[in-house]
N, C-alpha and C. Protein backbone atom coordinates (compact mmCIF):
# COMPACT_ATOMS: atom_id res chain seq x y z
N MET A 1 21.47 -0.27 -6.10
CA MET A 1 20.40 -1.76 -6.02
C MET A 1 19.57 -1.66 -5.99
N SER A 2 18.00 -1.89 -6.63
CA SER A 2 17.29 -1.67 -6.85
C SER A 2 15.84 -2.68 -6.65
N PHE A 3 15.11 -3.04 -6.41
CA PHE A 3 13.87 -3.65 -6.13
C PHE A 3 13.15 -3.70 -6.76
N LYS A 4 12.22 -4.33 -8.00
CA LYS A 4 10.08 -3.95 -8.58
C LYS A 4 9.43 -4.63 -8.37
N PHE A 5 8.89 -4.73 -7.70
CA PHE A 5 7.19 -5.02 -7.55
C PHE A 5 6.26 -3.78 -7.66
N LYS A 6 5.07 -5.63 -8.15
CA LYS A 6 4.37 -4.61 -8.76
C LYS A 6 2.66 -4.77 -8.44
N LEU A 7 2.26 -4.41 -7.33
CA LEU A 7 0.87 -5.09 -6.32
C LEU A 7 -0.79 -4.82 -8.27
N SER A 8 -1.59 -5.58 -7.01
CA SER A 8 -2.65 -5.68 -8.04
C SER A 8 -3.14 -4.77 -7.43
N VAL A 9 -4.30 -4.62 -8.87
CA VAL A 9 -5.35 -2.67 -9.12
C VAL A 9 -6.36 -3.08 -7.85
N ASN A 10 -6.14 -4.13 -6.56
CA ASN A 10 -6.63 -4.16 -5.44
C ASN A 10 -6.13 -3.46 -4.74
N ASN A 11 -5.42 -3.36 -4.47
CA ASN A 11 -4.22 -2.35 -3.71
C ASN A 11 -3.86 -1.99 -4.11
N THR A 12 -3.64 -0.89 -2.54
CA THR A 12 -3.58 0.57 -2.12
C THR A 12 -2.16 0.94 -1.73
N VAL A 13 -2.18 2.85 -2.51
CA VAL A 13 -0.80 3.15 -2.86
C VAL A 13 0.21 2.68 -1.50
N PHE A 14 -1.04 2.84 -0.23
CA PHE A 14 -0.64 2.96 1.21
C PHE A 14 0.38 0.94 1.61
N GLN A 15 -0.35 0.02 1.20
CA GLN A 15 0.03 -0.90 1.37
C GLN A 15 1.42 -1.25 0.27
N ALA A 16 1.38 -0.44 -0.66
CA ALA A 16 2.71 -0.66 -1.74
C ALA A 16 3.87 -0.20 -0.97
N GLU A 17 3.86 0.69 -0.18
CA GLU A 17 4.41 1.88 0.33
C GLU A 17 4.79 1.03 1.61
N LEU A 18 4.64 0.16 2.43
CA LEU A 18 4.53 -0.72 3.47
C LEU A 18 5.53 -1.72 3.02
N ALA A 19 4.47 -1.81 2.17
CA ALA A 19 5.58 -3.03 1.59
C ALA A 19 6.64 -3.58 1.33
N ALA A 20 6.75 -2.15 0.71
CA ALA A 20 8.19 -1.84 0.23
C ALA A 20 9.51 -1.59 2.05
N ILE A 21 8.61 -0.74 2.17
CA ILE A 21 9.28 -0.63 3.61
C ILE A 21 9.58 -2.62 4.54
N ASP A 22 8.80 -3.58 4.70
CA ASP A 22 8.84 -4.92 4.25
C ASP A 22 9.53 -5.66 4.19
N PHE A 23 9.84 -4.75 2.47
CA PHE A 23 10.71 -5.42 1.55
C PHE A 23 12.27 -5.15 2.16
N ALA A 24 12.57 -4.33 2.80
CA ALA A 24 13.89 -3.55 2.61
C ALA A 24 14.26 -3.82 4.11
N VAL A 25 13.73 -4.29 5.25
CA VAL A 25 13.69 -4.59 6.53
C VAL A 25 14.48 -6.18 6.80
N ARG A 26 13.38 -6.78 5.74
CA ARG A 26 13.61 -8.04 5.58
C ARG A 26 14.78 -8.72 4.47
N TRP A 27 15.29 -7.36 4.08
CA TRP A 27 16.42 -8.02 2.89
C TRP A 27 16.91 -7.34 4.33
N ALA A 28 17.26 -6.31 4.72
CA ALA A 28 18.42 -6.45 5.73
C ALA A 28 18.14 -7.55 7.06
N LEU A 29 17.38 -8.25 7.16
CA LEU A 29 17.47 -9.15 8.60
C LEU A 29 18.71 -10.31 7.35
N GLU A 30 17.93 -10.75 6.65
CA GLU A 30 18.87 -11.60 5.06
C GLU A 30 20.43 -11.30 5.23
N LYS A 31 20.52 -10.61 5.42
CA LYS A 31 21.30 -9.59 5.04
C LYS A 31 23.17 -9.94 5.99
N LYS A 32 22.12 -9.88 7.58
CA LYS A 32 22.46 -8.91 8.42
C LYS A 32 23.02 -7.51 8.38
N ILE A 33 22.49 -6.55 7.86
CA ILE A 33 23.81 -5.71 7.93
C ILE A 33 22.13 -4.34 8.25
N LYS A 34 22.51 -3.50 8.91
CA LYS A 34 22.60 -2.01 9.34
C LYS A 34 21.79 -0.90 7.58
N ILE A 35 20.55 -0.35 7.99
CA ILE A 35 19.97 0.01 7.17
C ILE A 35 19.59 1.82 8.09
N ASN A 36 19.27 2.81 6.85
CA ASN A 36 18.11 3.10 7.52
C ASN A 36 17.50 3.52 5.62
N ILE A 37 16.16 3.94 6.22
CA ILE A 37 14.73 3.56 5.25
C ILE A 37 14.30 4.93 5.43
N ILE A 38 14.25 5.84 3.84
CA ILE A 38 13.59 6.59 4.06
C ILE A 38 12.61 6.78 3.53
N THR A 39 11.16 7.52 3.73
CA THR A 39 10.26 7.48 3.25
C THR A 39 9.23 9.03 3.14
N ASP A 40 8.55 9.13 2.03
CA ASP A 40 7.64 10.23 1.96
C ASP A 40 6.09 10.15 2.52
N SER A 41 6.51 8.75 2.94
CA SER A 41 4.39 8.36 3.81
C SER A 41 4.63 8.52 5.11
N GLN A 42 4.04 9.24 6.04
CA GLN A 42 3.58 9.88 7.12
C GLN A 42 2.87 9.02 7.65
N SER A 43 1.94 8.39 6.92
CA SER A 43 0.79 7.08 7.76
C SER A 43 1.21 5.84 7.57
N SER A 44 2.37 5.35 6.53
CA SER A 44 2.95 4.48 6.99
C SER A 44 4.35 4.03 8.10
N ILE A 45 5.03 5.74 8.88
CA ILE A 45 5.10 5.91 9.56
C ILE A 45 4.17 5.71 10.51
N GLU A 46 3.79 5.89 10.71
CA GLU A 46 2.68 6.41 11.83
C GLU A 46 2.14 4.96 12.13
N ALA A 47 1.44 4.23 11.24
CA ALA A 47 0.90 3.41 11.40
C ALA A 47 1.77 2.39 11.23
N LEU A 48 3.22 1.88 11.51
CA LEU A 48 4.23 1.21 11.99
C LEU A 48 4.98 1.14 13.35
N ARG A 49 4.35 2.75 13.96
CA ARG A 49 4.20 3.40 15.66
C ARG A 49 3.22 2.60 16.57
N SER A 50 1.93 2.96 15.50
CA SER A 50 0.35 2.69 16.04
C SER A 50 0.39 1.63 16.62
N PHE A 51 -0.30 0.91 17.74
CA PHE A 51 -0.24 -0.28 18.56
C PHE A 51 -1.42 -0.20 18.16
N ARG A 52 -2.47 -0.37 17.50
CA ARG A 52 -3.99 -0.33 17.07
C ARG A 52 -4.47 -0.74 15.67
N SER A 53 -2.85 -1.73 14.81
CA SER A 53 -3.36 -1.72 13.44
C SER A 53 -3.60 -3.23 13.30
N ARG A 54 -4.74 -3.54 13.04
CA ARG A 54 -4.95 -4.72 12.00
C ARG A 54 -4.59 -5.86 11.25
N SER A 55 -4.14 -4.64 10.10
CA SER A 55 -4.02 -4.87 9.01
C SER A 55 -1.98 -5.96 8.78
N GLU A 56 -2.82 -6.63 7.76
CA GLU A 56 -1.32 -7.85 7.85
C GLU A 56 -0.04 -7.26 7.28
N VAL A 57 -0.17 -6.34 5.90
CA VAL A 57 0.93 -5.72 6.02
C VAL A 57 1.52 -4.69 6.81
N ILE A 58 1.17 -4.20 7.84
CA ILE A 58 1.43 -2.90 9.30
C ILE A 58 2.49 -4.65 9.58
N ILE A 59 1.48 -5.25 10.18
CA ILE A 59 1.69 -6.16 11.13
C ILE A 59 3.06 -6.62 11.22
N ARG A 60 3.36 -7.92 9.71
CA ARG A 60 4.62 -8.28 9.89
C ARG A 60 5.60 -7.24 9.44
N ALA A 61 5.50 -6.08 9.57
CA ALA A 61 6.66 -4.58 8.38
C ALA A 61 7.33 -4.81 10.49
N LYS A 62 6.14 -4.37 11.41
CA LYS A 62 5.88 -4.60 12.38
C LYS A 62 7.22 -5.23 13.41
N GLU A 63 6.22 -6.85 12.68
CA GLU A 63 7.17 -8.03 13.38
C GLU A 63 9.14 -7.71 13.28
N ASN A 64 9.51 -8.31 11.68
CA ASN A 64 10.35 -7.63 10.67
C ASN A 64 11.18 -7.11 11.74
N SER A 65 10.52 -5.48 12.14
CA SER A 65 11.37 -4.89 11.99
C SER A 65 11.78 -5.51 14.05
N ASN A 66 11.13 -5.85 14.53
CA ASN A 66 11.08 -6.18 15.96
C ASN A 66 12.13 -7.08 15.63
N MET A 67 12.39 -8.07 15.51
CA MET A 67 13.74 -8.57 14.90
C MET A 67 15.15 -8.20 14.65
N ILE A 68 14.75 -7.52 14.11
CA ILE A 68 16.17 -6.57 13.61
C ILE A 68 16.63 -5.79 14.79
N GLY A 69 15.71 -5.18 15.58
CA GLY A 69 16.07 -4.47 16.66
C GLY A 69 16.26 -3.55 16.50
N GLY A 70 17.08 -2.82 16.96
CA GLY A 70 17.75 -1.39 16.04
C GLY A 70 19.09 -0.92 14.86
N GLN A 71 19.29 -1.82 14.44
CA GLN A 71 19.69 -1.74 13.29
C GLN A 71 18.71 -1.31 11.92
N ILE A 72 17.36 -0.89 12.25
CA ILE A 72 16.38 -0.18 10.52
C ILE A 72 16.37 1.33 11.42
N GLY A 73 16.94 1.88 10.38
CA GLY A 73 16.92 4.09 10.67
C GLY A 73 15.52 4.18 10.55
N LEU A 74 14.12 5.03 10.38
CA LEU A 74 12.98 5.27 9.26
C LEU A 74 12.77 6.38 10.16
N ALA A 75 13.10 7.14 8.22
CA ALA A 75 13.32 8.63 8.22
C ALA A 75 11.98 9.13 7.46
N ARG A 76 11.20 10.53 7.74
CA ARG A 76 10.13 10.57 6.40
C ARG A 76 11.43 12.49 5.48
N VAL A 77 11.43 12.48 4.78
CA VAL A 77 10.86 13.27 2.89
C VAL A 77 9.86 14.09 3.28
N LYS A 78 9.98 15.11 3.09
CA LYS A 78 8.95 16.00 2.10
C LYS A 78 8.49 15.24 0.51
N ALA A 79 7.55 14.79 0.69
CA ALA A 79 6.91 14.81 -0.81
C ALA A 79 7.10 16.30 -2.18
N HIS A 80 7.26 15.48 -3.00
CA HIS A 80 7.27 16.47 -3.92
C HIS A 80 7.91 17.96 -3.52
N ALA A 81 9.45 17.67 -2.92
CA ALA A 81 9.90 18.89 -2.36
C ALA A 81 11.69 19.51 -2.73
N GLY A 82 11.67 18.11 -4.37
CA GLY A 82 12.41 18.56 -5.01
C GLY A 82 13.39 17.05 -4.71
N ASN A 83 13.66 17.25 -3.67
CA ASN A 83 14.93 14.92 -3.02
C ASN A 83 14.82 14.68 -3.77
N LEU A 84 15.97 14.64 -4.89
CA LEU A 84 16.58 13.50 -5.58
C LEU A 84 16.51 12.31 -5.69
N GLY A 85 16.61 12.05 -4.02
CA GLY A 85 16.41 10.63 -3.51
C GLY A 85 15.32 10.14 -3.97
N ASN A 86 14.28 10.36 -3.45
CA ASN A 86 12.16 10.54 -3.70
C ASN A 86 12.15 10.25 -4.57
N LYS A 87 12.50 11.22 -5.86
CA LYS A 87 12.55 11.41 -7.23
C LYS A 87 12.85 10.31 -7.96
N LEU A 88 14.15 9.30 -7.80
CA LEU A 88 14.74 8.65 -7.44
C LEU A 88 13.88 7.26 -6.92
N ALA A 89 13.18 7.97 -6.37
CA ALA A 89 12.03 6.19 -6.11
C ALA A 89 10.91 6.42 -6.93
N ASP A 90 10.53 7.35 -6.46
CA ASP A 90 8.89 7.82 -7.44
C ASP A 90 9.27 7.11 -8.49
N HIS A 91 11.12 7.58 -9.81
CA HIS A 91 10.26 7.47 -10.71
C HIS A 91 11.32 5.68 -10.46
N HIS A 92 11.14 5.03 -9.87
CA HIS A 92 11.53 3.64 -9.66
C HIS A 92 9.74 2.82 -9.51
N ALA A 93 9.64 3.63 -8.52
CA ALA A 93 8.16 2.63 -8.08
C ALA A 93 6.75 3.04 -9.81
N LYS A 94 7.42 4.62 -10.76
CA LYS A 94 6.67 4.18 -11.80
C LYS A 94 7.52 3.59 -12.81
N LEU A 95 8.57 3.08 -13.07
CA LEU A 95 9.28 2.17 -13.90
C LEU A 95 8.08 0.22 -13.36
N ALA A 96 8.41 0.38 -11.38
CA ALA A 96 7.51 -1.01 -11.00
C ALA A 96 6.42 -1.89 -11.94
N THR A 97 5.09 -0.45 -12.22
CA THR A 97 3.88 -1.08 -12.60
C THR A 97 4.02 -1.87 -14.06
N ILE A 98 5.20 -1.43 -14.42
CA ILE A 98 5.47 -1.46 -16.04
C ILE A 98 6.00 -3.31 -16.03
N GLN A 99 7.81 -3.14 -15.08
CA GLN A 99 8.62 -3.39 -15.64
C GLN A 99 8.69 -4.35 -13.87
N GLY A 100 7.35 -4.62 -12.41
CA GLY A 100 8.27 -4.38 -11.36
C GLY A 100 7.21 -6.75 -12.08
N VAL A 101 7.92 -7.67 -10.55
CA VAL A 101 7.47 -9.08 -10.73
C VAL A 101 6.10 -8.65 -9.44
N GLU A 102 5.14 -9.79 -9.58
CA GLU A 102 4.37 -9.12 -9.23
C GLU A 102 4.08 -9.94 -7.09
N MET A 103 4.13 -9.26 -6.69
CA MET A 103 3.78 -9.35 -4.79
C MET A 103 2.28 -9.31 -4.81
N HIS A 104 2.03 -10.24 -3.67
CA HIS A 104 0.55 -10.27 -4.01
C HIS A 104 0.66 -10.65 -2.36
N LEU A 105 -0.01 -9.09 -2.39
CA LEU A 105 -1.29 -8.73 -0.75
C LEU A 105 -2.53 -9.45 -0.98
N LEU A 106 -3.03 -9.46 0.48
CA LEU A 106 -4.47 -9.82 0.38
C LEU A 106 -5.27 -8.20 -0.01
N THR A 107 -6.00 -8.36 -1.19
CA THR A 107 -6.96 -6.64 -0.65
C THR A 107 -7.74 -5.91 0.59
N PRO A 108 -7.13 -5.35 0.95
CA PRO A 108 -7.53 -4.28 1.88
C PRO A 108 -9.46 -4.53 1.90
N TYR A 109 -9.62 -4.24 2.99
CA TYR A 109 -11.09 -4.69 3.70
C TYR A 109 -12.01 -2.66 3.52
N SER A 110 -10.97 -2.22 3.47
CA SER A 110 -10.96 -0.54 2.30
C SER A 110 -12.02 -0.53 0.93
N CYS A 111 -11.25 -1.73 0.65
CA CYS A 111 -11.31 -1.61 -1.30
C CYS A 111 -12.77 -2.50 -1.59
N LEU A 112 -12.51 -3.71 -0.92
CA LEU A 112 -13.34 -4.79 -0.47
C LEU A 112 -15.60 -3.94 -0.49
N LYS A 113 -14.64 -3.57 0.74
CA LYS A 113 -16.39 -1.67 1.27
C LYS A 113 -17.14 -1.73 0.01
N TYR A 114 -15.80 -0.98 -0.77
CA TYR A 114 -16.20 0.50 -1.71
C TYR A 114 -16.66 -0.85 -2.98
N ARG A 115 -16.05 -1.58 -3.41
CA ARG A 115 -16.72 -2.40 -4.57
C ARG A 115 -17.88 -2.90 -3.62
N ILE A 116 -18.33 -3.22 -2.78
CA ILE A 116 -19.19 -3.60 -2.82
C ILE A 116 -20.53 -3.10 -2.98
N SER A 117 -20.12 -1.50 -2.09
CA SER A 117 -21.11 -0.36 -2.06
C SER A 117 -21.72 0.16 -4.26
N LYS A 118 -20.77 0.08 -4.06
CA LYS A 118 -20.31 0.76 -5.70
C LYS A 118 -21.93 -0.35 -6.59
N SER A 119 -20.85 -1.73 -6.15
CA SER A 119 -22.35 -3.26 -6.65
C SER A 119 -23.73 -2.93 -6.78
N LEU A 120 -24.37 -2.90 -5.10
CA LEU A 120 -25.53 -3.26 -4.93
C LEU A 120 -26.59 -1.37 -5.54
N ILE A 121 -25.01 -0.66 -4.74
CA ILE A 121 -26.01 0.98 -5.37
C ILE A 121 -26.58 0.46 -7.51
N ARG A 122 -25.13 0.59 -8.12
CA ARG A 122 -26.01 -0.24 -9.24
C ARG A 122 -27.13 -1.02 -9.69
N GLU A 123 -27.15 -2.15 -9.44
CA GLU A 123 -27.91 -2.86 -8.91
C GLU A 123 -29.20 -1.72 -8.16
N TRP A 124 -29.55 -1.76 -7.43
CA TRP A 124 -30.40 -0.54 -6.74
C TRP A 124 -31.19 0.27 -8.01
N GLY A 125 -29.96 0.43 -8.57
CA GLY A 125 -30.33 2.00 -9.86
C GLY A 125 -31.08 0.94 -11.10
N GLU A 126 -30.44 -0.36 -11.11
CA GLU A 126 -31.33 -1.42 -12.22
C GLU A 126 -32.77 -1.34 -12.18
N PHE A 127 -32.45 -1.97 -11.16
CA PHE A 127 -33.79 -2.25 -10.07
C PHE A 127 -34.93 -1.11 -10.24
N TRP A 128 -34.57 -0.03 -9.66
CA TRP A 128 -36.05 0.87 -9.18
C TRP A 128 -35.99 1.70 -10.67
N ASP A 129 -35.30 1.51 -12.15
CA ASP A 129 -34.91 2.20 -13.50
C ASP A 129 -36.58 0.77 -14.05
N GLY A 130 -35.78 -0.31 -13.54
CA GLY A 130 -37.24 -1.23 -14.39
C GLY A 130 -38.02 -0.92 -14.14
N SER A 131 -38.75 -1.26 -12.23
CA SER A 131 -40.05 -1.57 -11.43
C SER A 131 -39.92 0.09 -12.03
N GLN A 132 -39.70 1.67 -12.56
CA GLN A 132 -40.84 2.80 -13.43
C GLN A 132 -41.02 2.92 -14.27
N SER A 133 -40.23 1.76 -14.86
CA SER A 133 -40.27 1.54 -17.15
C SER A 133 -41.84 0.67 -16.54
N GLU A 134 -41.56 -0.19 -15.61
CA GLU A 134 -43.02 -0.65 -15.93
C GLU A 134 -44.36 -0.77 -14.88
N SER A 135 -44.58 0.44 -14.60
CA SER A 135 -45.45 1.32 -13.79
C SER A 135 -45.93 2.09 -14.77
N GLY A 136 -44.96 2.43 -15.73
CA GLY A 136 -45.61 3.50 -16.42
C GLY A 136 -45.03 4.60 -16.05
N HIS A 137 -43.98 4.26 -14.61
CA HIS A 137 -43.20 6.50 -13.82
C HIS A 137 -42.54 5.88 -15.30
N THR A 138 -42.40 7.46 -15.19
CA THR A 138 -40.16 7.92 -15.85
C THR A 138 -39.65 8.76 -15.04
């Protein structure tokens, strides 16, 4: 069984990894079954174990996994180490970018901060270039 979801261009790979884990947890809750989630995302595992997260995706995933108690196993495999299951997961992740159903997540703060900074620098550059040409300096 496989599910394919795609996120917007404003979302991060980290968010995609966490959203996939959260989806698997919610699916197990609904089916009332025990599952093992195997991921190559060390950062996702660390985020789920952290007590300091403010991310909506992480908080929701933690709440859902707490609801199911000991019914979820979470393990890590090395990325790009020839693991057949991991290769298959990567293949389906690529397919999801084309065939996946839209999943809506909030744009991360880091993305907003980057875009605002980039826009301000561009505008400042345009202003600077305009003021230099008006004053006769090049």
